[in-house]
């Protein structure tokens, strides 16, 4: 069974008006494809349906997509999860060496001092973190950069501490009758800024 997170925006009836109850750094599993035996640079495009809440789900997604010569990559993306009563909004970013380093943390702090995170809805958070938001700064890419997802199974998302190691996986095939094999290497991108944002927002919530 696939455990996906649903790409944002969703249908107009989606309940995004619930308040934020908690903020967590979690990991999601993003699938990309290529034709190299292994990859030396990280440059990928965002496609709907390729974000998963578990590694097993991401691997299962790849099996029916197999075409001869194609290599699948699964990256554990550290992401910021805003947990509501019924669903969780997940903010992820592609193609960066330092997650959320281009986000204006100082301006975020000013905003949340006036409007505490615990009084914000998921809809307001989505507006702050979408790629069109001015908080990303001038020249921030509107495509293949930050993206927003929703899930109703927040308990499935694995929390990530700053000291936890993340991984990337590359597939290889032994033939169509066998499941793909997966080779692992550390995912060495920086994420101190991401955890700093989590700490700032958690402090804002606990102060209320």
C-alpha atoms as a PDB file:
ATOM      1  CA  UNK A   1       0.000   0.000   0.000  1.00  0.00           C
ATOM      2  CA  UNK A   2       1.395   3.403  -0.963  1.00  0.00           C
ATOM      3  CA  UNK A   3       1.641   6.012   1.761  1.00  0.00           C
ATOM      4  CA  UNK A   4       1.816   9.278  -0.147  1.00  0.00           C
ATOM      5  CA  UNK A   5       1.544  12.882   0.801  1.00  0.00           C
ATOM      6  CA  UNK A   6      -0.904  14.766  -1.378  1.00  0.00           C
ATOM      7  CA  UNK A   7       0.560  17.580  -3.493  1.00  0.00           C
ATOM      8  CA  UNK A   8      -0.634  21.084  -2.717  1.00  0.00           C
ATOM      9  CA  UNK A   9      -2.801  22.802  -3.824  1.00  0.00           C
ATOM     10  CA  UNK A  10      -5.590  20.325  -3.338  1.00  0.00           C
ATOM     11  CA  UNK A  11      -9.281  20.651  -4.157  1.00  0.00           C
ATOM     12  CA  UNK A  12     -11.079  23.790  -3.059  1.00  0.00           C
ATOM     13  CA  UNK A  13     -12.972  21.921  -0.336  1.00  0.00           C
ATOM     14  CA  UNK A  14      -9.808  20.877   1.497  1.00  0.00           C
ATOM     15  CA  UNK A  15      -9.856  21.927   5.137  1.00  0.00           C
ATOM     16  CA  UNK A  16      -6.886  24.245   5.538  1.00  0.00           C
ATOM     17  CA  UNK A  17      -8.528  26.462   8.135  1.00  0.00           C
ATOM     18  CA  UNK A  18      -7.568  24.331  11.120  1.00  0.00           C
ATOM     19  CA  UNK A  19      -5.000  25.809  13.482  1.00  0.00           C
ATOM     20  CA  UNK A  20      -1.365  24.739  13.831  1.00  0.00           C
ATOM     21  CA  UNK A  21      -0.858  22.541  16.889  1.00  0.00           C
ATOM     22  CA  UNK A  22       2.805  21.660  16.480  1.00  0.00           C
ATOM     23  CA  UNK A  23       5.835  22.159  14.237  1.00  0.00           C
ATOM     24  CA  UNK A  24       8.273  19.338  13.475  1.00  0.00           C
ATOM     25  CA  UNK A  25      11.213  18.587  11.208  1.00  0.00           C
ATOM     26  CA  UNK A  26      10.330  15.336   9.449  1.00  0.00           C
ATOM     27  CA  UNK A  27      11.551  13.468   6.391  1.00  0.00           C
ATOM     28  CA  UNK A  28       9.653  12.633   3.230  1.00  0.00           C
ATOM     29  CA  UNK A  29      10.874  10.396   0.423  1.00  0.00           C
ATOM     30  CA  UNK A  30      11.104  11.981  -3.010  1.00  0.00           C
ATOM     31  CA  UNK A  31      11.473   9.850  -6.164  1.00  0.00           C
ATOM     32  CA  UNK A  32      13.355  11.085  -9.239  1.00  0.00           C
ATOM     33  CA  UNK A  33      14.706   9.292 -12.312  1.00  0.00           C
ATOM     34  CA  UNK A  34      17.792   9.342 -14.487  1.00  0.00           C
ATOM     35  CA  UNK A  35      20.000   7.190 -16.669  1.00  0.00           C
ATOM     36  CA  UNK A  36      23.289   7.308 -14.767  1.00  0.00           C
ATOM     37  CA  UNK A  37      24.772   4.443 -12.768  1.00  0.00           C
ATOM     38  CA  UNK A  38      25.146   6.858  -9.850  1.00  0.00           C
ATOM     39  CA  UNK A  39      24.694  10.604  -9.574  1.00  0.00           C
ATOM     40  CA  UNK A  40      27.326  13.238  -8.835  1.00  0.00           C
ATOM     41  CA  UNK A  41      25.145  16.362  -8.624  1.00  0.00           C
ATOM     42  CA  UNK A  42      21.690  16.883  -7.211  1.00  0.00           C
ATOM     43  CA  UNK A  43      19.400  18.538  -9.724  1.00  0.00           C
ATOM     44  CA  UNK A  44      15.893  17.247 -10.054  1.00  0.00           C
ATOM     45  CA  UNK A  45      12.439  18.394 -11.120  1.00  0.00           C
ATOM     46  CA  UNK A  46       9.299  18.337  -9.058  1.00  0.00           C
ATOM     47  CA  UNK A  47       6.596  15.961 -10.297  1.00  0.00           C
ATOM     48  CA  UNK A  48       3.215  15.317  -8.715  1.00  0.00           C
ATOM     49  CA  UNK A  49       2.837  11.931  -7.012  1.00  0.00           C
ATOM     50  CA  UNK A  50       6.506  11.303  -6.278  1.00  0.00           C
ATOM     51  CA  UNK A  51       6.509  12.328  -2.620  1.00  0.00           C
ATOM     52  CA  UNK A  52       5.969   9.561  -0.054  1.00  0.00           C
ATOM     53  CA  UNK A  53       5.751   9.311   3.708  1.00  0.00           C
ATOM     54  CA  UNK A  54       7.748   6.065   3.948  1.00  0.00           C
ATOM     55  CA  UNK A  55      10.667   4.462   2.120  1.00  0.00           C
ATOM     56  CA  UNK A  56       8.638   1.314   1.488  1.00  0.00           C
ATOM     57  CA  UNK A  57       5.959   3.362  -0.245  1.00  0.00           C
ATOM     58  CA  UNK A  58       8.518   5.136  -2.428  1.00  0.00           C
ATOM     59  CA  UNK A  59      10.080   1.818  -3.475  1.00  0.00           C
ATOM     60  CA  UNK A  60       6.667   0.329  -4.267  1.00  0.00           C
ATOM     61  CA  UNK A  61       5.863   3.351  -6.420  1.00  0.00           C
ATOM     62  CA  UNK A  62       8.974   2.731  -8.552  1.00  0.00           C
ATOM     63  CA  UNK A  63       8.244  -0.894  -9.448  1.00  0.00           C
ATOM     64  CA  UNK A  64       5.414  -0.357 -11.986  1.00  0.00           C
ATOM     65  CA  UNK A  65       7.254   2.675 -13.451  1.00  0.00           C
ATOM     66  CA  UNK A  66      10.258   0.618 -14.568  1.00  0.00           C
ATOM     67  CA  UNK A  67      11.613   1.146 -18.098  1.00  0.00           C
ATOM     68  CA  UNK A  68      14.822  -0.439 -19.347  1.00  0.00           C
ATOM     69  CA  UNK A  69      17.823   1.788 -18.679  1.00  0.00           C
ATOM     70  CA  UNK A  70      16.090   4.063 -16.164  1.00  0.00           C
ATOM     71  CA  UNK A  71      17.565   4.470 -12.685  1.00  0.00           C
ATOM     72  CA  UNK A  72      15.366   5.598  -9.802  1.00  0.00           C
ATOM     73  CA  UNK A  73      16.633   7.779  -6.975  1.00  0.00           C
ATOM     74  CA  UNK A  74      14.941   8.214  -3.613  1.00  0.00           C
ATOM     75  CA  UNK A  75      16.058  11.135  -1.445  1.00  0.00           C
ATOM     76  CA  UNK A  76      15.152  11.540   2.188  1.00  0.00           C
ATOM     77  CA  UNK A  77      14.148  15.202   2.174  1.00  0.00           C
ATOM     78  CA  UNK A  78      14.197  16.977   5.543  1.00  0.00           C
ATOM     79  CA  UNK A  79      10.982  18.970   5.658  1.00  0.00           C
ATOM     80  CA  UNK A  80       8.999  21.210   7.957  1.00  0.00           C
ATOM     81  CA  UNK A  81       5.668  19.776   9.116  1.00  0.00           C
ATOM     82  CA  UNK A  82       2.868  21.941  10.494  1.00  0.00           C
ATOM     83  CA  UNK A  83       0.514  19.634  12.351  1.00  0.00           C
ATOM     84  CA  UNK A  84      -3.187  20.445  12.559  1.00  0.00           C
ATOM     85  CA  UNK A  85      -6.022  18.521  14.187  1.00  0.00           C
ATOM     86  CA  UNK A  86      -6.873  16.455  11.101  1.00  0.00           C
ATOM     87  CA  UNK A  87      -4.044  16.928   8.627  1.00  0.00           C
ATOM     88  CA  UNK A  88      -0.464  18.093   8.336  1.00  0.00           C
ATOM     89  CA  UNK A  89       1.036  20.589   5.912  1.00  0.00           C
ATOM     90  CA  UNK A  90       4.574  19.634   4.834  1.00  0.00           C
ATOM     91  CA  UNK A  91       7.046  22.142   3.377  1.00  0.00           C
ATOM     92  CA  UNK A  92       9.892  20.592   1.364  1.00  0.00           C
ATOM     93  CA  UNK A  93      12.620  21.981  -0.878  1.00  0.00           C
ATOM     94  CA  UNK A  94      14.543  20.622  -3.874  1.00  0.00           C
ATOM     95  CA  UNK A  95      17.817  21.672  -5.477  1.00  0.00           C
ATOM     96  CA  UNK A  96      19.488  23.375  -2.530  1.00  0.00           C
ATOM     97  CA  UNK A  97      22.735  22.824  -0.660  1.00  0.00           C
ATOM     98  CA  UNK A  98      21.261  24.234   2.560  1.00  0.00           C
ATOM     99  CA  UNK A  99      17.574  23.654   3.216  1.00  0.00           C
ATOM    100  CA  UNK A 100      15.592  26.881   3.724  1.00  0.00           C
ATOM    101  CA  UNK A 101      18.748  28.988   3.858  1.00  0.00           C
ATOM    102  CA  UNK A 102      17.117  31.415   1.383  1.00  0.00           C
ATOM    103  CA  UNK A 103      14.073  31.864   3.601  1.00  0.00           C
ATOM    104  CA  UNK A 104      13.955  35.140   5.571  1.00  0.00           C
ATOM    105  CA  UNK A 105      14.066  33.757   9.119  1.00  0.00           C
ATOM    106  CA  UNK A 106      14.337  37.226  10.688  1.00  0.00           C
ATOM    107  CA  UNK A 107      11.176  38.419   8.946  1.00  0.00           C
ATOM    108  CA  UNK A 108       9.428  35.197   9.936  1.00  0.00           C
ATOM    109  CA  UNK A 109      10.305  35.953  13.543  1.00  0.00           C
ATOM    110  CA  UNK A 110       8.795  39.438  13.276  1.00  0.00           C
ATOM    111  CA  UNK A 111       5.597  38.047  11.778  1.00  0.00           C
ATOM    112  CA  UNK A 112       5.174  35.338  14.397  1.00  0.00           C
ATOM    113  CA  UNK A 113       5.813  37.807  17.210  1.00  0.00           C
ATOM    114  CA  UNK A 114       2.738  39.698  16.011  1.00  0.00           C
ATOM    115  CA  UNK A 115       0.701  36.682  14.933  1.00  0.00           C
ATOM    116  CA  UNK A 116       1.755  33.593  16.945  1.00  0.00           C
ATOM    117  CA  UNK A 117       2.026  30.329  15.040  1.00  0.00           C
ATOM    118  CA  UNK A 118      -0.613  28.676  17.231  1.00  0.00           C
ATOM    119  CA  UNK A 119      -3.152  31.267  16.030  1.00  0.00           C
ATOM    120  CA  UNK A 120      -2.372  30.625  12.346  1.00  0.00           C
ATOM    121  CA  UNK A 121      -4.247  28.265  10.055  1.00  0.00           C
ATOM    122  CA  UNK A 122      -2.596  25.820   7.687  1.00  0.00           C
ATOM    123  CA  UNK A 123      -3.807  28.090   4.881  1.00  0.00           C
ATOM    124  CA  UNK A 124      -1.844  31.041   6.301  1.00  0.00           C
ATOM    125  CA  UNK A 125       1.260  28.887   6.713  1.00  0.00           C
ATOM    126  CA  UNK A 126       0.919  27.721   3.104  1.00  0.00           C
ATOM    127  CA  UNK A 127       0.894  31.308   1.905  1.00  0.00           C
ATOM    128  CA  UNK A 128       4.042  32.101   3.883  1.00  0.00           C
ATOM    129  CA  UNK A 129       6.038  29.156   2.559  1.00  0.00           C
ATOM    130  CA  UNK A 130       4.836  28.776  -1.039  1.00  0.00           C
ATOM    131  CA  UNK A 131       7.540  29.648  -3.618  1.00  0.00           C
ATOM    132  CA  UNK A 132       5.749  32.902  -4.536  1.00  0.00           C
ATOM    133  CA  UNK A 133       6.072  34.170  -0.954  1.00  0.00           C
ATOM    134  CA  UNK A 134       8.271  37.279  -0.535  1.00  0.00           C
ATOM    135  CA  UNK A 135       9.859  35.549   2.464  1.00  0.00           C
ATOM    136  CA  UNK A 136      11.929  33.488   0.017  1.00  0.00           C
ATOM    137  CA  UNK A 137      13.618  36.608  -1.280  1.00  0.00           C
ATOM    138  CA  UNK A 138      14.118  38.116  -4.704  1.00  0.00           C
ATOM    139  CA  UNK A 139      14.993  35.707  -7.490  1.00  0.00           C
ATOM    140  CA  UNK A 140      13.856  32.567  -5.699  1.00  0.00           C
ATOM    141  CA  UNK A 141      12.851  29.922  -8.314  1.00  0.00           C
ATOM    142  CA  UNK A 142       9.110  29.414  -8.655  1.00  0.00           C
ATOM    143  CA  UNK A 143       9.525  25.883 -10.020  1.00  0.00           C
ATOM    144  CA  UNK A 144      11.494  22.831  -8.867  1.00  0.00           C
ATOM    145  CA  UNK A 145      12.266  24.531  -5.561  1.00  0.00           C
ATOM    146  CA  UNK A 146      10.008  24.550  -2.518  1.00  0.00           C
ATOM    147  CA  UNK A 147       6.758  22.585  -2.663  1.00  0.00           C
ATOM    148  CA  UNK A 148       3.878  21.980  -0.257  1.00  0.00           C
ATOM    149  CA  UNK A 149       2.109  18.711   0.528  1.00  0.00           C
ATOM    150  CA  UNK A 150      -0.698  17.503   2.769  1.00  0.00           C
ATOM    151  CA  UNK A 151      -1.166  14.272   4.680  1.00  0.00           C
ATOM    152  CA  UNK A 152      -3.804  12.971   7.060  1.00  0.00           C
ATOM    153  CA  UNK A 153      -1.366  10.432   8.530  1.00  0.00           C
ATOM    154  CA  UNK A 154       1.052  12.665  10.402  1.00  0.00           C
ATOM    155  CA  UNK A 155       1.938   9.794  12.750  1.00  0.00           C
ATOM    156  CA  UNK A 156       3.556   7.991   9.781  1.00  0.00           C
ATOM    157  CA  UNK A 157       6.023  10.818   9.137  1.00  0.00           C
ATOM    158  CA  UNK A 158       9.379  10.188  10.822  1.00  0.00           C
ATOM    159  CA  UNK A 159      10.729  13.058  12.908  1.00  0.00           C
ATOM    160  CA  UNK A 160      14.331  14.075  12.270  1.00  0.00           C
ATOM    161  CA  UNK A 161      16.838  15.540  14.741  1.00  0.00           C
ATOM    162  CA  UNK A 162      19.775  17.655  13.606  1.00  0.00           C
ATOM    163  CA  UNK A 163      22.148  14.812  14.505  1.00  0.00           C
ATOM    164  CA  UNK A 164      20.225  12.185  12.501  1.00  0.00           C
ATOM    165  CA  UNK A 165      21.788  11.012   9.243  1.00  0.00           C
ATOM    166  CA  UNK A 166      19.695  11.139   6.091  1.00  0.00           C
ATOM    167  CA  UNK A 167      20.181   8.947   3.035  1.00  0.00           C
ATOM    168  CA  UNK A 168      19.765   8.748  -0.722  1.00  0.00           C
ATOM    169  CA  UNK A 169      19.086   5.526  -2.600  1.00  0.00           C
ATOM    170  CA  UNK A 170      19.784   4.521  -6.212  1.00  0.00           C
ATOM    171  CA  UNK A 171      18.138   1.555  -7.921  1.00  0.00           C
ATOM    172  CA  UNK A 172      19.647  -1.228  -9.997  1.00  0.00           C
ATOM    173  CA  UNK A 173      17.936  -4.086 -11.799  1.00  0.00           C
ATOM    174  CA  UNK A 174      18.613  -7.812 -12.032  1.00  0.00           C
ATOM    175  CA  UNK A 175      15.840  -8.299 -14.569  1.00  0.00           C
ATOM    176  CA  UNK A 176      12.063  -7.814 -14.849  1.00  0.00           C
ATOM    177  CA  UNK A 177      11.294 -10.865 -12.694  1.00  0.00           C
ATOM    178  CA  UNK A 178      13.026  -9.399  -9.644  1.00  0.00           C
ATOM    179  CA  UNK A 179      12.403  -6.396  -7.445  1.00  0.00           C
ATOM    180  CA  UNK A 180      14.791  -3.488  -7.794  1.00  0.00           C
ATOM    181  CA  UNK A 181      17.945  -3.456  -5.698  1.00  0.00           C
ATOM    182  CA  UNK A 182      18.788  -0.279  -3.788  1.00  0.00           C
ATOM    183  CA  UNK A 183      22.230   1.152  -3.006  1.00  0.00           C
ATOM    184  CA  UNK A 184      22.510   3.746  -0.237  1.00  0.00           C
ATOM    185  CA  UNK A 185      24.753   6.717   0.410  1.00  0.00           C
ATOM    186  CA  UNK A 186      24.548   9.588   2.934  1.00  0.00           C
ATOM    187  CA  UNK A 187      22.489  12.584   1.880  1.00  0.00           C
ATOM    188  CA  UNK A 188      24.949  15.277   2.841  1.00  0.00           C
ATOM    189  CA  UNK A 189      23.023  18.513   2.274  1.00  0.00           C
ATOM    190  CA  UNK A 190      22.985  21.072   5.096  1.00  0.00           C
ATOM    191  CA  UNK A 191      19.854  21.654   7.201  1.00  0.00           C
ATOM    192  CA  UNK A 192      20.833  23.773  10.197  1.00  0.00           C
ATOM    193  CA  UNK A 193      18.577  26.596   9.002  1.00  0.00           C
ATOM    194  CA  UNK A 194      15.623  24.219   8.786  1.00  0.00           C
ATOM    195  CA  UNK A 195      16.092  23.109  12.397  1.00  0.00           C
ATOM    196  CA  UNK A 196      16.596  26.727  13.474  1.00  0.00           C
ATOM    197  CA  UNK A 197      13.197  27.584  11.988  1.00  0.00           C
ATOM    198  CA  UNK A 198      11.646  24.658  13.856  1.00  0.00           C
ATOM    199  CA  UNK A 199      13.180  25.824  17.153  1.00  0.00           C
ATOM    200  CA  UNK A 200      12.019  29.416  16.614  1.00  0.00           C
ATOM    201  CA  UNK A 201       8.458  28.372  15.819  1.00  0.00           C
ATOM    202  CA  UNK A 202       8.268  25.849  18.663  1.00  0.00           C
ATOM    203  CA  UNK A 203       9.446  28.567  21.040  1.00  0.00           C
ATOM    204  CA  UNK A 204       6.721  30.815  19.716  1.00  0.00           C
ATOM    205  CA  UNK A 205       4.087  28.135  20.333  1.00  0.00           C
ATOM    206  CA  UNK A 206       5.282  27.262  23.855  1.00  0.00           C
ATOM    207  CA  UNK A 207       5.316  30.931  24.848  1.00  0.00           C
ATOM    208  CA  UNK A 208       1.555  31.211  24.287  1.00  0.00           C
END
